[in-house]
N, C-alpha and C. Protein backbone atom coordinates (compact mmCIF):
# COMPACT_ATOMS: atom_id res chain seq x y z
N UNK A 1 -53.89 53.89 63.66
CA UNK A 1 -53.93 53.18 64.83
C UNK A 1 -54.78 53.92 66.18
N UNK A 2 -56.08 53.25 66.37
CA UNK A 2 -56.51 53.84 67.56
C UNK A 2 -57.43 52.37 68.42
N UNK A 3 -57.17 52.38 69.72
CA UNK A 3 -57.04 51.80 70.76
C UNK A 3 -58.53 52.10 71.65
N UNK A 4 -59.04 51.27 72.49
CA UNK A 4 -60.18 52.54 74.15
C UNK A 4 -60.13 52.63 74.94
N UNK A 5 -59.94 53.79 75.65
CA UNK A 5 -58.68 53.93 76.66
C UNK A 5 -58.98 53.27 77.84
N UNK A 6 -60.13 52.24 77.48
CA UNK A 6 -60.13 50.84 78.42
C UNK A 6 -59.09 49.69 78.41
N UNK A 7 -57.90 49.83 77.19
CA UNK A 7 -56.75 49.03 77.85
C UNK A 7 -55.82 49.73 79.39
N UNK A 8 -55.99 51.43 78.97
CA UNK A 8 -54.89 51.94 79.96
C UNK A 8 -55.50 50.56 81.19
N UNK A 9 -54.24 50.99 82.26
CA UNK A 9 -54.02 50.24 83.23
C UNK A 9 -53.77 51.43 84.41
N UNK A 10 -54.38 51.36 85.43
CA UNK A 10 -53.81 52.57 85.81
C UNK A 10 -53.54 51.75 87.52
N UNK A 11 -52.47 52.03 88.41
CA UNK A 11 -52.64 51.38 89.73
C UNK A 11 -51.09 52.35 90.70
N UNK A 12 -51.53 52.04 91.74
CA UNK A 12 -50.84 53.02 93.10
C UNK A 12 -49.48 52.67 93.00
N UNK A 13 -48.11 52.49 92.76
CA UNK A 13 -47.35 53.04 92.53
C UNK A 13 -47.19 52.18 94.39
N UNK A 14 -46.29 51.16 94.84
CA UNK A 14 -45.97 50.58 96.48
C UNK A 14 -44.50 51.14 96.40
N UNK A 15 -44.64 51.95 97.83
CA UNK A 15 -43.37 52.25 98.34
C UNK A 15 -42.85 53.91 97.84
N UNK A 16 -43.85 54.56 97.29
CA UNK A 16 -43.83 55.55 95.75
C UNK A 16 -44.94 56.79 96.12
N UNK A 17 -44.13 57.43 95.61
CA UNK A 17 -45.93 58.38 95.90
C UNK A 17 -46.24 58.66 94.24
N UNK A 18 -47.96 58.71 94.01
CA UNK A 18 -47.86 58.21 92.84
C UNK A 18 -48.58 56.95 92.34
N UNK A 19 -48.81 57.74 90.64
CA UNK A 19 -49.10 56.16 90.24
C UNK A 19 -48.42 56.11 89.00
N UNK A 20 -49.23 54.97 88.26
CA UNK A 20 -48.07 54.07 86.99
C UNK A 20 -49.82 54.16 86.45
N UNK A 21 -49.00 54.34 85.35
CA UNK A 21 -50.19 53.43 84.09
C UNK A 21 -49.47 53.29 82.80
N UNK A 22 -50.18 51.83 82.47
CA UNK A 22 -49.67 51.15 81.69
C UNK A 22 -50.21 50.34 80.21
N UNK A 23 -50.34 50.79 79.52
CA UNK A 23 -50.91 50.56 77.66
C UNK A 23 -50.02 49.80 76.52
N UNK A 24 -50.22 48.64 76.19
CA UNK A 24 -49.01 48.49 75.15
C UNK A 24 -47.75 47.79 75.55
N UNK A 25 -47.65 48.46 76.38
CA UNK A 25 -45.51 47.76 76.81
C UNK A 25 -44.99 49.49 77.03
N UNK A 26 -45.90 50.40 77.30
CA UNK A 26 -45.20 51.79 77.88
C UNK A 26 -46.10 52.01 79.47
N UNK A 27 -44.87 52.33 79.91
CA UNK A 27 -45.43 52.98 80.98
C UNK A 27 -45.17 54.02 81.69
N UNK A 28 -46.11 55.03 81.79
CA UNK A 28 -46.15 56.00 82.41
C UNK A 28 -46.14 56.26 83.85
N UNK A 29 -45.56 57.22 84.61
CA UNK A 29 -46.14 57.83 86.43
C UNK A 29 -46.67 59.23 86.07
N UNK A 30 -47.01 59.33 86.96
CA UNK A 30 -47.87 60.61 87.86
C UNK A 30 -48.08 60.96 88.53
N UNK A 31 -48.21 62.58 89.48
CA UNK A 31 -48.35 62.23 91.14
C UNK A 31 -49.87 62.16 91.06
N UNK A 32 -50.66 61.98 90.07
CA UNK A 32 -52.23 61.39 90.15
C UNK A 32 -52.44 61.00 89.05
N UNK A 33 -53.76 60.11 90.01
CA UNK A 33 -54.24 59.21 88.15
C UNK A 33 -54.56 59.89 86.86
N UNK A 34 -55.01 61.16 87.11
CA UNK A 34 -54.94 62.01 85.98
C UNK A 34 -53.80 62.24 85.00
N UNK A 35 -52.68 62.25 86.17
CA UNK A 35 -51.08 62.55 85.36
C UNK A 35 -50.96 61.52 84.50
N UNK A 36 -51.08 60.93 85.34
CA UNK A 36 -50.53 59.28 85.02
C UNK A 36 -51.35 59.00 83.43
N UNK A 37 -52.60 59.48 83.43
CA UNK A 37 -53.65 59.09 82.37
C UNK A 37 -52.79 59.89 81.42
N UNK A 38 -52.96 61.88 81.62
CA UNK A 38 -52.08 62.05 80.45
C UNK A 38 -51.15 62.34 80.09
N UNK A 39 -50.02 61.38 80.77
CA UNK A 39 -49.27 61.32 80.18
C UNK A 39 -48.80 59.76 79.50
N UNK A 40 -50.10 59.09 79.78
CA UNK A 40 -50.35 57.86 78.43
C UNK A 40 -50.12 58.08 77.11
N UNK A 41 -51.91 59.40 76.98
CA UNK A 41 -51.57 59.57 76.42
C UNK A 41 -51.01 60.30 75.19
N UNK A 42 -49.93 61.38 75.86
CA UNK A 42 -49.32 61.86 75.25
C UNK A 42 -48.05 60.97 74.22
N UNK A 43 -47.79 59.44 75.62
CA UNK A 43 -46.51 58.95 74.84
C UNK A 43 -47.38 58.06 73.95
N UNK A 44 -48.73 57.47 73.81
CA UNK A 44 -49.48 56.34 72.45
C UNK A 44 -49.60 57.99 71.67
N UNK A 45 -50.10 59.25 71.94
CA UNK A 45 -49.86 59.90 70.59
C UNK A 45 -48.41 60.07 69.99
N UNK A 46 -47.48 59.93 70.40
CA UNK A 46 -45.87 60.16 69.79
C UNK A 46 -45.46 59.02 69.07
N UNK A 47 -46.89 57.68 69.08
CA UNK A 47 -46.59 56.77 68.80
C UNK A 47 -47.42 56.02 67.62
N UNK A 48 -48.32 57.29 66.96
CA UNK A 48 -49.20 56.70 66.25
C UNK A 48 -50.25 56.15 66.76
N UNK A 49 -50.83 55.81 67.79
CA UNK A 49 -51.42 55.92 68.65
C UNK A 49 -52.77 56.44 69.17
N UNK A 50 -54.01 56.31 68.76
CA UNK A 50 -55.04 56.90 69.78
C UNK A 50 -55.62 56.48 69.73
N UNK A 51 -56.10 57.38 71.66
CA UNK A 51 -57.77 56.46 72.03
C UNK A 51 -58.87 57.34 72.05
N UNK A 52 -59.53 56.54 72.13
CA UNK A 52 -60.94 56.26 71.44
C UNK A 52 -61.74 56.08 73.00
N UNK A 53 -62.70 57.01 73.05
CA UNK A 53 -64.13 56.98 74.03
C UNK A 53 -63.11 56.77 75.40
N UNK A 54 -62.80 58.20 75.46
CA UNK A 54 -62.27 58.88 77.07
C UNK A 54 -63.24 58.04 78.50
N UNK A 55 -62.87 57.64 79.11
CA UNK A 55 -63.57 57.02 80.58
C UNK A 55 -64.09 58.11 80.94
N UNK A 56 -65.41 57.62 81.51
CA UNK A 56 -66.17 58.53 82.78
C UNK A 56 -65.39 58.85 83.83
N UNK A 57 -64.87 58.02 84.41
CA UNK A 57 -63.60 58.39 85.44
C UNK A 57 -62.73 57.36 85.58
N UNK A 58 -61.67 58.23 86.30
CA UNK A 58 -60.51 57.82 85.83
C UNK A 58 -60.43 56.46 86.94
N UNK A 59 -61.39 56.04 87.79
CA UNK A 59 -61.30 55.68 88.76
C UNK A 59 -61.81 54.13 88.09
N UNK A 60 -62.36 54.12 86.70
CA UNK A 60 -62.80 52.65 86.13
C UNK A 60 -61.40 52.18 86.10
N UNK A 61 -60.62 52.99 85.69
CA UNK A 61 -59.21 52.62 84.95
C UNK A 61 -58.63 51.66 86.54
N UNK A 62 -58.52 51.47 87.36
CA UNK A 62 -57.45 51.59 88.06
C UNK A 62 -57.32 50.12 88.69
N UNK A 63 -56.64 49.67 89.00
CA UNK A 63 -56.19 48.21 89.26
C UNK A 63 -55.30 47.71 90.22
N UNK A 64 -55.63 46.62 91.12
CA UNK A 64 -54.82 46.67 92.29
C UNK A 64 -54.24 45.91 91.42
N UNK A 65 -52.69 45.62 91.91
CA UNK A 65 -50.84 44.91 91.32
C UNK A 65 -50.81 44.41 92.58
């Protein structure tokens, strides 16, 4: 199964250092946006889901929660 990278939402974790990425009921955390995104890629790949069309910048995936 393949999904686009735009389905991944990254946000700053309040009251903690770092960022989190959410996609299809998976949650990963990382010290930077890039680390959270890379961990999400790995988690999805482990479950048979591939990300297509990588975003130009990770800032386009940042959301306010």
